[in-house]
């Protein structure tokens, strides 16, 4: 089992920045790729970003490419999502998820509870 806890969400004005954190516990963190997925009100969950086990490969949705950066610190069992130039359409609950392989789908085995990000216009 891998337990994931997100933090860092909040309310920010359009154009602002937030950094989300995903802290993991349980099995060896470096054995898992991690993704961020978001769900806006009334919409389905969508892929945002993912990072490989070593951190050497990253993947982004077109909608966040150039604005968001995913990174990880395996010594701290933590993955980060730096979000810059936020837009109102980025408003959503953000989830981190883990699996053995990084994927741009929603097929992750382990999920956190989510953290709310609200971007005001």
N, C-alpha and C. Protein backbone atom coordinates (compact mmCIF):
# COMPACT_ATOMS: atom_id res chain seq x y z
N UNK A 1 0.83 -1.19 0.00
CA UNK A 1 0.00 0.00 0.00
C UNK A 1 0.87 1.24 0.00
N UNK A 2 0.41 2.24 -0.70
CA UNK A 2 1.04 3.55 -0.70
C UNK A 2 -0.02 4.56 -0.28
N UNK A 3 0.29 5.35 0.72
CA UNK A 3 -0.62 6.40 1.16
C UNK A 3 -0.12 7.73 0.63
N UNK A 4 -1.04 8.51 0.10
CA UNK A 4 -0.70 9.80 -0.51
C UNK A 4 -1.52 10.90 0.14
N UNK A 5 -0.86 11.99 0.49
CA UNK A 5 -1.54 13.13 1.10
C UNK A 5 -1.13 14.40 0.36
N UNK A 6 -2.11 15.08 -0.21
CA UNK A 6 -1.85 16.32 -0.92
C UNK A 6 -1.98 17.52 0.03
N UNK A 7 -1.25 18.56 -0.30
CA UNK A 7 -1.36 19.82 0.44
C UNK A 7 -0.95 20.96 -0.49
N UNK A 8 -1.23 22.18 -0.03
CA UNK A 8 -0.80 23.35 -0.78
C UNK A 8 -1.88 24.04 -1.60
N UNK A 9 -3.07 23.47 -1.62
CA UNK A 9 -4.15 24.12 -2.36
C UNK A 9 -4.61 25.38 -1.65
N UNK A 10 -5.46 26.13 -2.34
CA UNK A 10 -5.99 27.35 -1.75
C UNK A 10 -6.62 28.24 -2.79
N UNK A 11 -6.85 29.48 -2.39
CA UNK A 11 -7.46 30.48 -3.27
C UNK A 11 -6.37 31.43 -3.75
N UNK A 12 -6.34 31.66 -5.05
CA UNK A 12 -5.33 32.55 -5.63
C UNK A 12 -5.98 33.32 -6.78
N UNK A 13 -5.47 34.51 -7.02
CA UNK A 13 -5.97 35.30 -8.14
C UNK A 13 -5.38 34.80 -9.45
N UNK A 14 -6.10 35.05 -10.52
CA UNK A 14 -5.59 34.69 -11.84
C UNK A 14 -4.23 35.34 -12.07
N UNK A 15 -3.32 34.56 -12.63
CA UNK A 15 -1.96 35.03 -12.83
C UNK A 15 -1.01 34.66 -11.71
N UNK A 16 -1.57 34.21 -10.60
CA UNK A 16 -0.77 33.86 -9.45
C UNK A 16 -0.20 32.44 -9.54
N UNK A 17 0.43 32.03 -8.44
CA UNK A 17 1.11 30.73 -8.39
C UNK A 17 0.74 29.98 -7.12
N UNK A 18 0.81 28.69 -7.21
CA UNK A 18 0.68 27.80 -6.06
C UNK A 18 1.62 26.62 -6.27
N UNK A 19 2.06 26.04 -5.16
CA UNK A 19 2.82 24.80 -5.25
C UNK A 19 2.11 23.73 -4.44
N UNK A 20 1.72 22.68 -5.11
CA UNK A 20 1.10 21.54 -4.45
C UNK A 20 2.17 20.53 -4.08
N UNK A 21 1.94 19.85 -2.96
CA UNK A 21 2.82 18.78 -2.53
C UNK A 21 2.03 17.50 -2.38
N UNK A 22 2.68 16.39 -2.65
CA UNK A 22 2.09 15.07 -2.47
C UNK A 22 3.08 14.26 -1.66
N UNK A 23 2.75 14.02 -0.41
CA UNK A 23 3.62 13.28 0.49
C UNK A 23 3.19 11.82 0.51
N UNK A 24 4.15 10.93 0.35
CA UNK A 24 3.85 9.50 0.28
C UNK A 24 4.41 8.76 1.47
N UNK A 25 3.74 7.71 1.85
CA UNK A 25 4.22 6.81 2.89
C UNK A 25 3.82 5.40 2.52
N UNK A 26 4.46 4.45 3.18
CA UNK A 26 4.15 3.06 2.87
C UNK A 26 5.32 2.42 2.15
N UNK A 27 5.08 1.91 0.98
CA UNK A 27 6.12 1.23 0.23
C UNK A 27 7.17 2.20 -0.31
N UNK A 28 8.26 1.66 -0.80
CA UNK A 28 9.38 2.47 -1.29
C UNK A 28 8.90 3.43 -2.37
N UNK A 29 8.98 4.70 -2.06
CA UNK A 29 8.41 5.73 -2.91
C UNK A 29 9.06 5.75 -4.29
N UNK A 30 10.35 5.52 -4.34
CA UNK A 30 11.07 5.60 -5.61
C UNK A 30 10.69 4.48 -6.57
N UNK A 31 9.91 3.53 -6.12
CA UNK A 31 9.42 2.46 -6.99
C UNK A 31 8.16 2.85 -7.75
N UNK A 32 7.67 4.07 -7.51
CA UNK A 32 6.40 4.48 -8.09
C UNK A 32 6.51 5.77 -8.87
N UNK A 33 5.88 5.76 -10.03
CA UNK A 33 5.64 7.00 -10.76
C UNK A 33 4.45 7.71 -10.13
N UNK A 34 4.40 9.00 -10.30
CA UNK A 34 3.32 9.79 -9.68
C UNK A 34 2.71 10.72 -10.71
N UNK A 35 1.43 10.83 -10.65
CA UNK A 35 0.72 11.75 -11.53
C UNK A 35 -0.16 12.69 -10.74
N UNK A 36 -0.48 13.81 -11.36
CA UNK A 36 -1.48 14.74 -10.83
C UNK A 36 -2.68 14.72 -11.78
N UNK A 37 -3.83 14.63 -11.19
CA UNK A 37 -5.09 14.59 -11.92
C UNK A 37 -6.01 15.61 -11.27
N UNK A 38 -6.83 16.28 -12.05
CA UNK A 38 -7.74 17.26 -11.46
C UNK A 38 -9.18 17.02 -11.90
N UNK A 39 -10.09 17.50 -11.09
CA UNK A 39 -11.50 17.39 -11.41
C UNK A 39 -12.19 18.70 -11.08
N UNK A 40 -12.68 19.35 -12.10
CA UNK A 40 -13.41 20.60 -11.93
C UNK A 40 -14.88 20.29 -11.66
N UNK A 41 -15.60 21.23 -11.05
CA UNK A 41 -17.02 21.00 -10.74
C UNK A 41 -17.81 20.64 -12.00
N UNK A 42 -18.54 19.54 -11.92
CA UNK A 42 -19.38 19.12 -13.02
C UNK A 42 -18.65 18.50 -14.19
N UNK A 43 -17.35 18.28 -14.03
CA UNK A 43 -16.57 17.71 -15.13
C UNK A 43 -15.90 16.42 -14.69
N UNK A 44 -15.42 15.66 -15.67
CA UNK A 44 -14.71 14.42 -15.36
C UNK A 44 -13.27 14.74 -14.98
N UNK A 45 -12.67 13.78 -14.31
CA UNK A 45 -11.26 13.92 -13.96
C UNK A 45 -10.42 13.98 -15.23
N UNK A 46 -9.35 14.78 -15.18
CA UNK A 46 -8.46 14.88 -16.33
C UNK A 46 -7.01 14.85 -15.88
N UNK A 47 -6.18 14.27 -16.71
CA UNK A 47 -4.76 14.20 -16.45
C UNK A 47 -4.15 15.60 -16.49
N UNK A 48 -3.21 15.85 -15.59
CA UNK A 48 -2.51 17.14 -15.56
C UNK A 48 -1.01 16.95 -15.84
N UNK A 49 -0.35 16.12 -15.06
CA UNK A 49 1.09 15.93 -15.20
C UNK A 49 1.49 14.62 -14.55
N UNK A 50 2.64 14.09 -14.97
CA UNK A 50 3.16 12.86 -14.37
C UNK A 50 4.67 12.90 -14.40
N UNK A 51 5.25 12.11 -13.51
CA UNK A 51 6.70 12.04 -13.43
C UNK A 51 7.11 10.59 -13.20
N UNK A 52 8.19 10.18 -13.85
CA UNK A 52 8.66 8.81 -13.73
C UNK A 52 9.26 8.55 -12.35
N UNK A 53 9.60 7.32 -12.10
CA UNK A 53 10.11 6.93 -10.78
C UNK A 53 11.39 7.67 -10.41
N UNK A 54 12.26 7.83 -11.38
CA UNK A 54 13.53 8.51 -11.10
C UNK A 54 13.41 10.02 -11.21
N UNK A 55 12.33 10.47 -11.83
CA UNK A 55 12.18 11.90 -12.09
C UNK A 55 12.76 12.33 -13.42
N UNK A 56 13.31 11.37 -14.17
CA UNK A 56 13.95 11.71 -15.42
C UNK A 56 13.02 12.03 -16.56
N UNK A 57 11.77 11.59 -16.44
CA UNK A 57 10.79 11.86 -17.48
C UNK A 57 9.57 12.52 -16.88
N UNK A 58 9.06 13.52 -17.58
CA UNK A 58 7.86 14.21 -17.15
C UNK A 58 6.89 14.32 -18.33
N UNK A 59 5.63 14.41 -17.99
CA UNK A 59 4.57 14.45 -18.99
C UNK A 59 3.55 15.49 -18.55
N UNK A 60 3.01 16.22 -19.54
CA UNK A 60 2.06 17.29 -19.21
C UNK A 60 0.89 17.28 -20.18
N UNK A 61 -0.26 17.65 -19.66
CA UNK A 61 -1.40 17.93 -20.52
C UNK A 61 -1.12 19.22 -21.29
N UNK A 62 -1.64 19.31 -22.49
CA UNK A 62 -1.40 20.51 -23.30
C UNK A 62 -1.89 21.77 -22.60
N UNK A 63 -2.94 21.64 -21.83
CA UNK A 63 -3.55 22.80 -21.19
C UNK A 63 -2.66 23.43 -20.11
N UNK A 64 -1.67 22.68 -19.61
CA UNK A 64 -0.82 23.21 -18.54
C UNK A 64 0.64 23.31 -18.95
N UNK A 65 0.98 22.82 -20.13
CA UNK A 65 2.35 22.81 -20.58
C UNK A 65 2.90 24.24 -20.63
N UNK A 66 4.08 24.42 -20.05
CA UNK A 66 4.69 25.74 -20.00
C UNK A 66 4.30 26.55 -18.79
N UNK A 67 3.27 26.12 -18.06
CA UNK A 67 2.83 26.84 -16.86
C UNK A 67 3.05 26.02 -15.60
N UNK A 68 2.90 24.70 -15.69
CA UNK A 68 3.05 23.82 -14.54
C UNK A 68 4.35 23.02 -14.67
N UNK A 69 4.94 22.73 -13.52
CA UNK A 69 6.15 21.91 -13.49
C UNK A 69 6.01 20.86 -12.39
N UNK A 70 6.20 19.61 -12.76
CA UNK A 70 6.17 18.52 -11.79
C UNK A 70 7.59 18.13 -11.46
N UNK A 71 7.83 17.83 -10.18
CA UNK A 71 9.16 17.40 -9.75
C UNK A 71 8.99 16.47 -8.55
N UNK A 72 10.07 15.81 -8.19
CA UNK A 72 9.99 14.91 -7.04
C UNK A 72 11.30 14.93 -6.29
N UNK A 73 11.20 14.64 -4.99
CA UNK A 73 12.34 14.48 -4.11
C UNK A 73 12.17 13.14 -3.43
N UNK A 74 12.83 12.13 -3.95
CA UNK A 74 12.65 10.78 -3.41
C UNK A 74 13.18 10.65 -1.98
N UNK A 75 14.13 11.47 -1.62
CA UNK A 75 14.65 11.44 -0.25
C UNK A 75 13.59 11.92 0.74
N UNK A 76 12.68 12.77 0.26
CA UNK A 76 11.62 13.30 1.12
C UNK A 76 10.28 12.63 0.84
N UNK A 77 10.27 11.65 -0.07
CA UNK A 77 9.02 10.95 -0.42
C UNK A 77 7.93 11.93 -0.84
N UNK A 78 8.29 12.90 -1.63
CA UNK A 78 7.36 13.97 -1.97
C UNK A 78 7.46 14.31 -3.46
N UNK A 79 6.30 14.55 -4.04
CA UNK A 79 6.20 15.07 -5.41
C UNK A 79 5.55 16.44 -5.34
N UNK A 80 6.02 17.33 -6.19
CA UNK A 80 5.51 18.71 -6.20
C UNK A 80 4.89 19.04 -7.55
N UNK A 81 3.95 19.95 -7.52
CA UNK A 81 3.40 20.51 -8.74
C UNK A 81 3.43 22.03 -8.59
N UNK A 82 4.38 22.64 -9.26
CA UNK A 82 4.47 24.10 -9.27
C UNK A 82 3.55 24.63 -10.35
N UNK A 83 2.60 25.46 -9.96
CA UNK A 83 1.61 25.98 -10.90
C UNK A 83 1.77 27.49 -10.99
N UNK A 84 2.12 27.96 -12.16
CA UNK A 84 2.30 29.39 -12.40
C UNK A 84 1.28 29.88 -13.41
N UNK A 85 1.13 31.19 -13.45
CA UNK A 85 0.19 31.82 -14.39
C UNK A 85 -1.16 31.12 -14.36
N UNK A 86 -1.68 30.97 -13.17
CA UNK A 86 -2.93 30.24 -13.00
C UNK A 86 -4.09 30.98 -13.65
N UNK A 87 -5.04 30.19 -14.15
CA UNK A 87 -6.22 30.71 -14.83
C UNK A 87 -7.47 30.21 -14.10
N UNK A 88 -8.57 30.92 -14.22
CA UNK A 88 -9.81 30.45 -13.57
C UNK A 88 -10.17 29.02 -13.98
N UNK A 89 -9.86 28.63 -15.19
CA UNK A 89 -10.18 27.27 -15.64
C UNK A 89 -9.29 26.20 -15.00
N UNK A 90 -8.30 26.62 -14.23
CA UNK A 90 -7.50 25.66 -13.46
C UNK A 90 -8.18 25.28 -12.14
N UNK A 91 -9.27 25.96 -11.83
CA UNK A 91 -10.00 25.66 -10.60
C UNK A 91 -10.49 24.22 -10.61
N UNK A 92 -10.12 23.47 -9.59
CA UNK A 92 -10.46 22.05 -9.52
C UNK A 92 -9.95 21.47 -8.21
N UNK A 93 -10.37 20.26 -7.93
CA UNK A 93 -9.72 19.47 -6.89
C UNK A 93 -8.57 18.72 -7.57
N UNK A 94 -7.39 18.85 -6.99
CA UNK A 94 -6.20 18.22 -7.55
C UNK A 94 -5.85 16.99 -6.72
N UNK A 95 -5.68 15.88 -7.43
CA UNK A 95 -5.33 14.62 -6.79
C UNK A 95 -3.94 14.17 -7.24
N UNK A 96 -3.18 13.62 -6.32
CA UNK A 96 -1.99 12.91 -6.76
C UNK A 96 -2.29 11.42 -6.73
N UNK A 97 -1.62 10.70 -7.60
CA UNK A 97 -1.86 9.27 -7.76
C UNK A 97 -0.53 8.58 -8.07
N UNK A 98 -0.43 7.32 -7.73
CA UNK A 98 0.82 6.60 -7.91
C UNK A 98 0.59 5.24 -8.54
N UNK A 99 1.57 4.83 -9.33
CA UNK A 99 1.55 3.49 -9.93
C UNK A 99 2.99 3.17 -10.35
N UNK A 100 3.20 1.98 -10.81
CA UNK A 100 4.58 1.57 -11.13
C UNK A 100 5.09 2.23 -12.40
N UNK A 101 4.17 2.65 -13.26
CA UNK A 101 4.55 3.28 -14.52
C UNK A 101 3.83 4.61 -14.67
N UNK A 102 4.57 5.62 -15.12
CA UNK A 102 3.95 6.91 -15.36
C UNK A 102 3.01 6.81 -16.56
N UNK A 103 1.87 7.41 -16.44
CA UNK A 103 0.89 7.35 -17.51
C UNK A 103 0.14 8.66 -17.63
N UNK A 104 -0.28 8.97 -18.83
CA UNK A 104 -1.10 10.16 -19.06
C UNK A 104 -2.59 9.80 -19.02
N UNK A 105 -2.88 8.57 -18.64
CA UNK A 105 -4.27 8.18 -18.44
C UNK A 105 -4.62 8.38 -16.97
N UNK A 106 -5.76 7.86 -16.58
CA UNK A 106 -6.18 7.95 -15.18
C UNK A 106 -5.98 6.62 -14.48
N UNK A 107 -5.20 5.73 -15.05
CA UNK A 107 -5.05 4.38 -14.52
C UNK A 107 -3.93 4.33 -13.49
N UNK A 108 -4.20 4.85 -12.34
CA UNK A 108 -3.27 4.79 -11.23
C UNK A 108 -3.86 3.93 -10.12
N UNK A 109 -2.99 3.21 -9.44
CA UNK A 109 -3.48 2.29 -8.41
C UNK A 109 -3.81 2.99 -7.11
N UNK A 110 -3.00 3.96 -6.74
CA UNK A 110 -3.17 4.62 -5.44
C UNK A 110 -3.51 6.09 -5.66
N UNK A 111 -4.41 6.58 -4.82
CA UNK A 111 -4.89 7.95 -4.94
C UNK A 111 -4.91 8.65 -3.59
N UNK A 112 -4.63 9.94 -3.61
CA UNK A 112 -4.81 10.76 -2.42
C UNK A 112 -6.24 11.26 -2.34
N UNK A 113 -6.51 12.07 -1.32
CA UNK A 113 -7.86 12.58 -1.08
C UNK A 113 -8.15 13.87 -1.84
N UNK A 114 -7.13 14.52 -2.32
CA UNK A 114 -7.32 15.73 -3.11
C UNK A 114 -7.15 17.01 -2.32
N UNK A 115 -6.80 18.07 -3.02
CA UNK A 115 -6.69 19.40 -2.43
C UNK A 115 -7.33 20.40 -3.39
N UNK A 116 -8.11 21.32 -2.83
CA UNK A 116 -8.87 22.26 -3.65
C UNK A 116 -7.99 23.42 -4.10
N UNK A 117 -8.04 23.72 -5.37
CA UNK A 117 -7.40 24.91 -5.93
C UNK A 117 -8.49 25.77 -6.56
N UNK A 118 -8.57 27.02 -6.13
CA UNK A 118 -9.57 27.94 -6.68
C UNK A 118 -8.84 29.17 -7.20
N UNK A 119 -9.08 29.49 -8.46
CA UNK A 119 -8.44 30.64 -9.09
C UNK A 119 -9.53 31.66 -9.42
N UNK A 120 -9.43 32.82 -8.80
CA UNK A 120 -10.43 33.86 -9.03
C UNK A 120 -10.01 34.78 -10.18
N UNK A 121 -11.01 35.28 -10.88
CA UNK A 121 -10.71 36.15 -12.03
C UNK A 121 -10.65 37.60 -11.62
